[in-house]
Structure formats: structure tokens, C-alpha cells
Amino acid sequence: MDAPAVYVKQAGLLWLAGFREACCLHRVFFFCSRSRELLKRTGQCFLLNGLIFLGSFVLSSIWYNDIAKLAFSSMGIESSSQSELSNTTNVAHVDRQAGLGRAIIEFGEQVYSVLLLTFFFIEVYAAEFIPYIGKAINFLLLSWMYAYYCFEYKWNLTELGLDKRIDFFESNWAFFAGFGSPCVMAIFFFSQLVSYGVMATLFPLFVLTAVGTQAEQVIDSQRKSWKGRGLGKLRLFNAADTLATRLLHIIYKDRRD
């Protein structure tokens, strides 16, 4: 089998693996059956985004984080911040100084992350206006964007650094394209206003699915049957990264002047 065919086959298998993981919605029932608080919070998201339609973006974002945290707890897993808190009670005076520096770094990462995803969303929006292939590109970019958002709550709880998140995401682009596809399929053929409401209603289900997905294990199980180097890294956020970095540089330069 020639190289292009092998490449397409590997990409297809990883896409299918991601798609299959996203469709494991039985995990939602598993998590909710183990935590009444999680069931309550998930129900609140459905009511807020379903009955009120678009709901409150800020309130929903807080609840999504609670949903991911409660799902972690129902699996018997502590978030990194909880684990570190229980292991460092005797060195509080050291933690204060280290914690301040860490907080500054995390704040900077959050600002950069917001800019990065904002510019990426602009790319997603602009892709729709490309003649003939715009819809297909828009679908693919939306799949990546929603997959990133779903896994971001899990990565926040495990305190995975932003650079590692992006590297892992771009190195396994086919898997995440597959994971985001079911969510996009549910909204892609509606009007923009309706699709936002449907997306907001379904999103907590995919956040829970992402929390229960062992992405590294699934991807490694696929790679074991491969011969060669695999798919390689796809710089999905390259344009957004360039724009975000330049904007931060301009802001920093203006503040110094």
C-alpha cells in the first residue's frame, strides 16, 4: 500500500476512534447515577439552555466546569489542585510565594488562550465564505473547536499546561476532528440562532463524554498497529497563535511607551 493511502487510512481510523468516543453518551448516565449533584447541575444546564434557549453564557460556563469537576469526583479522581492542597498543608509559607508566581503564569495563559480561541473562531466563521468548499472547511474547523472546548474542562482540572494541550491536540488532529463531529452534526443544518441553542443544550453531555475518554490510551491503541511515523503534527492554531502573539506584543509595547 502506497504512502498516501496509508496516511488516509490512519487518519480515517483515528477520526473514527474520536467519533466513537464522542458517541459514548452512556457515560453521562454512569456519571449522573453516581452523583446527585452532577445530575442536578446537568439538569440545570438543560433547563437554562433549553427552556431559556440561549441561556446565560457566563453561568453556563461555570456550570460546565462544575459538571467536569463532579464527573472527576464520581470516578474517584481528584483534580490536581485538590490533590496538591491535601499534600502541602505543612509547607503553607512556601506555597504562598510559589502560588503567587503560578497564579500569574496561569492568568497569562488564560488571557492568551482566550485570544487564541477568539482568533480561531474568526477563522471558523470566515471559512464559511470560501466558495464551493467553505461549508466543508467550516464543518471541520467547528469539529476541532468544539472538541477542544470539551476537553479543555478536563485539562483545566488536571492542570495540563497550555503548550502541552495544543501540542497534544495538533499531534492527534484526526482523533479530535472525529470527536467534535457528532456535536457539529447536531447543529450544522440549523439556522445560526437555533444551532447556538441546540449546541448549548447538548454541550454538557459532550463535556462529560470527554471527561470519561482516555484519549491517550485510545490513540495509542490505534498507533500500535501502524508502521512508520504516523500522521504527524498539523499546526491548526498557527494563524491564531501568530495573531494572538502580535496583539499581545502591541499591547505590551504600548503600555511600556
Protein backbone atom coordinates (compact mmCIF):
# COMPACT_ATOMS: atom_id res chain seq x y z
CA MET A 1 0.00 0.00 0.00
CA ASP A 2 1.46 3.37 -1.02
CA ALA A 3 2.18 6.16 1.47
CA PRO A 4 -0.83 8.42 0.71
CA ALA A 5 -3.23 5.50 1.12
CA VAL A 6 -1.65 4.54 4.45
CA TYR A 7 -1.86 8.16 5.62
CA VAL A 8 -5.55 8.39 4.69
CA LYS A 9 -6.27 5.07 6.39
CA GLN A 10 -4.55 6.12 9.61
CA ALA A 11 -6.37 9.45 9.62
CA GLY A 12 -9.66 7.69 8.99
CA LEU A 13 -9.13 5.21 11.82
CA LEU A 14 -8.25 7.96 14.29
CA TRP A 15 -11.22 10.05 13.15
CA LEU A 16 -13.49 7.04 13.64
CA ALA A 17 -11.99 6.42 17.09
CA GLY A 18 -12.69 10.02 18.11
CA PHE A 19 -16.21 9.86 16.66
CA ARG A 20 -16.91 6.64 18.55
CA GLU A 21 -15.64 8.11 21.83
CA ALA A 22 -17.89 11.17 21.44
CA CYS A 23 -20.89 8.91 20.90
CA CYS A 24 -20.32 7.07 24.20
CA LEU A 25 -23.14 9.02 25.79
CA HIS A 26 -23.84 6.14 28.18
CA ARG A 27 -21.06 7.72 30.26
CA VAL A 28 -23.46 10.56 31.02
CA PHE A 29 -25.86 8.12 32.73
CA PHE A 30 -22.94 6.47 34.53
CA PHE A 31 -21.70 9.76 35.96
CA CYS A 32 -25.16 11.06 36.86
CA SER A 33 -26.09 7.78 38.59
CA ARG A 34 -23.06 8.17 40.87
CA SER A 35 -23.59 11.81 41.79
CA ARG A 36 -26.89 13.54 42.57
CA GLU A 37 -25.13 16.90 42.49
CA LEU A 38 -23.89 16.18 38.97
CA LEU A 39 -27.39 15.14 37.90
CA LYS A 40 -28.76 18.38 39.35
CA ARG A 41 -26.13 20.54 37.65
CA THR A 42 -26.62 18.82 34.28
CA GLY A 43 -30.37 19.26 34.59
CA GLN A 44 -29.89 22.95 35.34
CA CYS A 45 -27.88 23.34 32.13
CA PHE A 46 -30.65 21.68 30.16
CA LEU A 47 -33.28 23.94 31.70
CA LEU A 48 -31.24 27.11 31.30
CA ASN A 49 -30.17 26.48 27.70
CA GLY A 50 -33.24 24.55 26.61
CA LEU A 51 -36.15 26.48 28.10
CA ILE A 52 -34.49 29.89 28.07
CA PHE A 53 -32.95 28.81 24.72
CA LEU A 54 -29.64 30.66 24.66
CA GLY A 55 -29.35 30.88 28.41
CA SER A 56 -26.63 32.74 30.20
CA PHE A 57 -23.14 32.22 28.75
CA VAL A 58 -21.29 33.08 31.95
CA LEU A 59 -23.50 30.97 34.20
CA SER A 60 -23.37 28.03 31.77
CA SER A 61 -19.56 28.19 31.65
CA ILE A 62 -19.40 27.99 35.45
CA TRP A 63 -21.78 25.05 35.48
CA TYR A 64 -19.81 23.24 32.74
CA ASN A 65 -16.73 23.45 34.94
CA ASP A 66 -18.74 22.13 37.90
CA ILE A 67 -20.01 19.27 35.73
CA ALA A 68 -16.48 18.26 34.76
CA LYS A 69 -15.30 18.51 38.38
CA LEU A 70 -18.20 16.42 39.68
CA ALA A 71 -17.58 13.82 36.97
CA PHE A 72 -13.96 13.59 38.13
CA SER A 73 -15.17 13.06 41.69
CA SER A 74 -17.62 10.35 40.65
CA MET A 75 -14.69 8.49 39.05
CA GLY A 76 -12.79 8.73 42.33
CA ILE A 77 -10.23 11.12 40.82
CA GLU A 78 -9.15 14.37 42.45
CA SER A 79 -8.26 17.38 40.37
CA SER A 80 -4.62 18.44 40.56
CA SER A 81 -5.46 21.47 42.69
CA GLN A 82 -7.34 19.30 45.24
CA SER A 83 -4.52 16.76 45.38
CA GLU A 84 -1.85 19.39 45.84
CA LEU A 85 -3.86 21.08 48.58
CA SER A 86 -4.10 17.87 50.60
CA ASN A 87 -0.36 17.14 50.23
CA THR A 88 1.07 20.55 51.12
CA THR A 89 -0.64 21.64 54.31
CA ASN A 90 2.67 21.65 56.21
CA VAL A 91 4.50 23.99 53.82
CA ALA A 92 1.99 26.82 53.51
CA HIS A 93 4.60 29.58 53.78
CA VAL A 94 6.44 28.15 50.73
CA ASP A 95 3.22 27.61 48.81
CA ARG A 96 2.14 31.22 49.14
CA GLN A 97 5.13 32.50 47.23
CA ALA A 98 5.08 29.68 44.71
CA GLY A 99 1.31 30.01 44.38
CA LEU A 100 1.55 33.70 43.54
CA GLY A 101 4.00 33.08 40.72
CA ARG A 102 1.91 30.20 39.49
CA ALA A 103 -1.25 32.29 39.58
CA ILE A 104 0.41 34.97 37.43
CA ILE A 105 1.51 32.35 34.90
CA GLU A 106 -1.97 30.78 34.84
CA PHE A 107 -3.59 34.19 34.37
CA GLY A 108 -1.28 34.92 31.45
CA GLU A 109 -2.11 31.54 29.92
CA GLN A 110 -5.83 32.21 30.29
CA VAL A 111 -5.53 35.59 28.54
CA TYR A 112 -3.51 34.06 25.74
CA SER A 113 -5.93 31.11 25.48
CA VAL A 114 -8.93 33.43 25.14
CA LEU A 115 -7.19 35.40 22.38
CA LEU A 116 -6.07 32.21 20.62
CA LEU A 117 -9.55 30.69 20.57
CA THR A 118 -11.14 34.01 19.61
CA PHE A 119 -8.92 34.28 16.53
CA PHE A 120 -9.55 30.61 15.75
CA PHE A 121 -13.30 31.25 15.94
CA ILE A 122 -12.86 34.09 13.44
CA GLU A 123 -11.14 31.59 11.14
CA VAL A 124 -14.08 29.22 11.55
CA TYR A 125 -16.54 31.98 10.71
CA ALA A 126 -14.54 33.23 7.73
CA ALA A 127 -14.14 29.73 6.26
CA GLU A 128 -17.86 29.56 5.53
CA PHE A 129 -17.50 32.28 2.88
CA ILE A 130 -14.95 30.32 0.80
CA PRO A 131 -16.62 29.36 -2.49
CA TYR A 132 -17.56 25.69 -3.06
CA ILE A 133 -15.55 24.17 -0.20
CA GLY A 134 -16.39 26.69 2.52
CA LYS A 135 -19.06 24.56 4.19
CA ALA A 136 -16.78 21.52 4.39
CA ILE A 137 -13.89 23.53 5.85
CA ASN A 138 -16.28 25.23 8.27
CA PHE A 139 -17.55 21.83 9.44
CA LEU A 140 -14.02 20.55 10.01
CA LEU A 141 -12.87 23.66 11.89
CA LEU A 142 -16.02 23.64 14.03
CA SER A 143 -15.37 19.99 14.90
CA TRP A 144 -11.88 20.86 16.13
CA MET A 145 -13.10 23.91 18.04
CA TYR A 146 -15.87 22.06 19.89
CA ALA A 147 -13.57 19.11 20.63
CA TYR A 148 -11.03 21.49 22.15
CA TYR A 149 -13.68 23.18 24.28
CA CYS A 150 -14.98 19.79 25.51
CA PHE A 151 -11.53 18.60 26.57
CA GLU A 152 -10.47 21.97 27.95
CA TYR A 153 -12.53 21.47 31.12
CA LYS A 154 -10.77 18.15 31.75
CA TRP A 155 -7.36 19.67 31.03
CA ASN A 156 -8.10 22.56 33.40
CA LEU A 157 -8.81 20.13 36.22
CA THR A 158 -5.63 18.14 35.55
CA GLU A 159 -3.76 21.45 35.17
CA LEU A 160 -2.23 20.44 31.86
CA GLY A 161 -0.20 23.37 30.52
CA LEU A 162 -1.47 25.28 27.51
CA ASP A 163 1.57 24.41 25.38
CA LYS A 164 1.09 20.69 26.14
CA ARG A 165 -2.62 20.89 25.35
CA ILE A 166 -2.02 22.45 21.96
CA ASP A 167 0.83 20.05 21.16
CA PHE A 168 -1.29 17.02 22.05
CA PHE A 169 -4.29 18.38 20.13
CA GLU A 170 -2.32 19.23 16.98
CA SER A 171 -0.42 15.91 17.11
CA ASN A 172 -3.72 13.98 17.19
CA TRP A 173 -5.81 16.20 14.94
CA ALA A 174 -7.68 13.32 13.26
CA PHE A 175 -8.93 11.94 16.59
CA PHE A 176 -10.21 15.33 17.75
CA ALA A 177 -11.83 16.02 14.37
CA GLY A 178 -13.77 12.81 14.86
CA PHE A 179 -14.67 13.63 18.46
CA GLY A 180 -16.10 17.04 17.55
CA SER A 181 -18.09 15.77 14.56
CA PRO A 182 -21.19 14.39 16.36
CA CYS A 183 -21.69 17.69 18.15
CA VAL A 184 -21.36 19.66 14.93
CA MET A 185 -23.68 17.29 13.08
CA ALA A 186 -26.37 18.07 15.64
CA ILE A 187 -26.27 21.79 14.85
CA PHE A 188 -24.79 22.17 11.38
CA PHE A 189 -28.04 22.16 9.42
CA PHE A 190 -29.97 24.57 11.64
CA SER A 191 -30.06 28.33 11.42
CA GLN A 192 -27.34 30.10 13.37
CA LEU A 193 -29.64 31.16 16.21
CA VAL A 194 -31.20 27.71 16.62
CA SER A 195 -27.82 25.97 16.37
CA TYR A 196 -26.44 28.02 19.28
CA GLY A 197 -29.34 26.94 21.46
CA VAL A 198 -29.04 23.27 20.47
CA MET A 199 -25.28 23.37 20.98
CA ALA A 200 -25.59 24.94 24.44
CA THR A 201 -28.11 22.25 25.42
CA LEU A 202 -26.02 19.30 24.21
CA PHE A 203 -22.61 20.64 25.20
CA PRO A 204 -22.61 19.36 28.83
CA LEU A 205 -23.19 15.82 27.53
CA PHE A 206 -20.04 16.01 25.40
CA VAL A 207 -18.08 17.57 28.28
CA LEU A 208 -18.96 14.51 30.36
CA THR A 209 -18.03 12.22 27.49
CA ALA A 210 -14.67 13.98 27.18
CA VAL A 211 -14.01 13.58 30.91
CA GLY A 212 -14.60 9.83 30.59
CA THR A 213 -12.48 9.48 27.46
CA GLN A 214 -8.93 8.20 27.93
CA ALA A 215 -7.70 9.89 24.75
CA GLU A 216 -4.05 8.85 25.16
CA GLN A 217 -4.96 5.18 25.56
CA VAL A 218 -7.39 5.21 22.62
CA ILE A 219 -4.86 6.89 20.35
CA ASP A 220 -2.01 4.60 21.47
CA SER A 221 -4.14 1.52 20.81
CA GLN A 222 -4.60 2.71 17.22
CA ARG A 223 -0.93 3.52 16.73
CA LYS A 224 0.26 0.09 17.83
CA SER A 225 -0.94 -1.35 14.51
CA TRP A 226 0.80 1.35 12.47
CA LYS A 227 4.15 1.03 10.81
CA GLY A 228 6.11 4.19 10.33
CA ARG A 229 5.87 7.62 11.93
CA GLY A 230 2.12 8.07 11.76
CA LEU A 231 0.19 11.16 10.75
CA GLY A 232 2.46 13.87 12.10
CA LYS A 233 1.55 17.22 13.60
CA LEU A 234 -0.91 19.62 11.96
CA ARG A 235 -0.44 23.24 13.01
CA LEU A 236 -4.12 24.05 13.42
CA PHE A 237 -3.59 27.07 15.64
CA ASN A 238 -0.64 28.55 13.75
CA ALA A 239 -2.51 31.54 12.29
CA ALA A 240 -4.41 32.20 15.53
CA ASP A 241 -1.17 31.90 17.52
CA THR A 242 0.57 34.45 15.26
CA LEU A 243 -2.27 36.95 15.60
CA ALA A 244 -2.61 36.49 19.36
CA THR A 245 1.14 36.88 19.90
CA ARG A 246 1.29 40.04 17.78
CA LEU A 247 -1.67 41.58 19.58
CA LEU A 248 -0.12 40.90 22.98
CA HIS A 249 3.18 42.34 21.74
CA ILE A 250 1.43 45.52 20.57
CA ILE A 251 -0.42 45.89 23.90
CA TYR A 252 2.77 45.33 25.89
CA LYS A 253 4.69 47.80 23.73
CA ASP A 254 2.01 50.48 24.09
CA ARG A 255 1.96 50.05 27.88
CA ARG A 256 5.73 50.48 28.05
CA ASP A 257 5.62 53.60 25.90
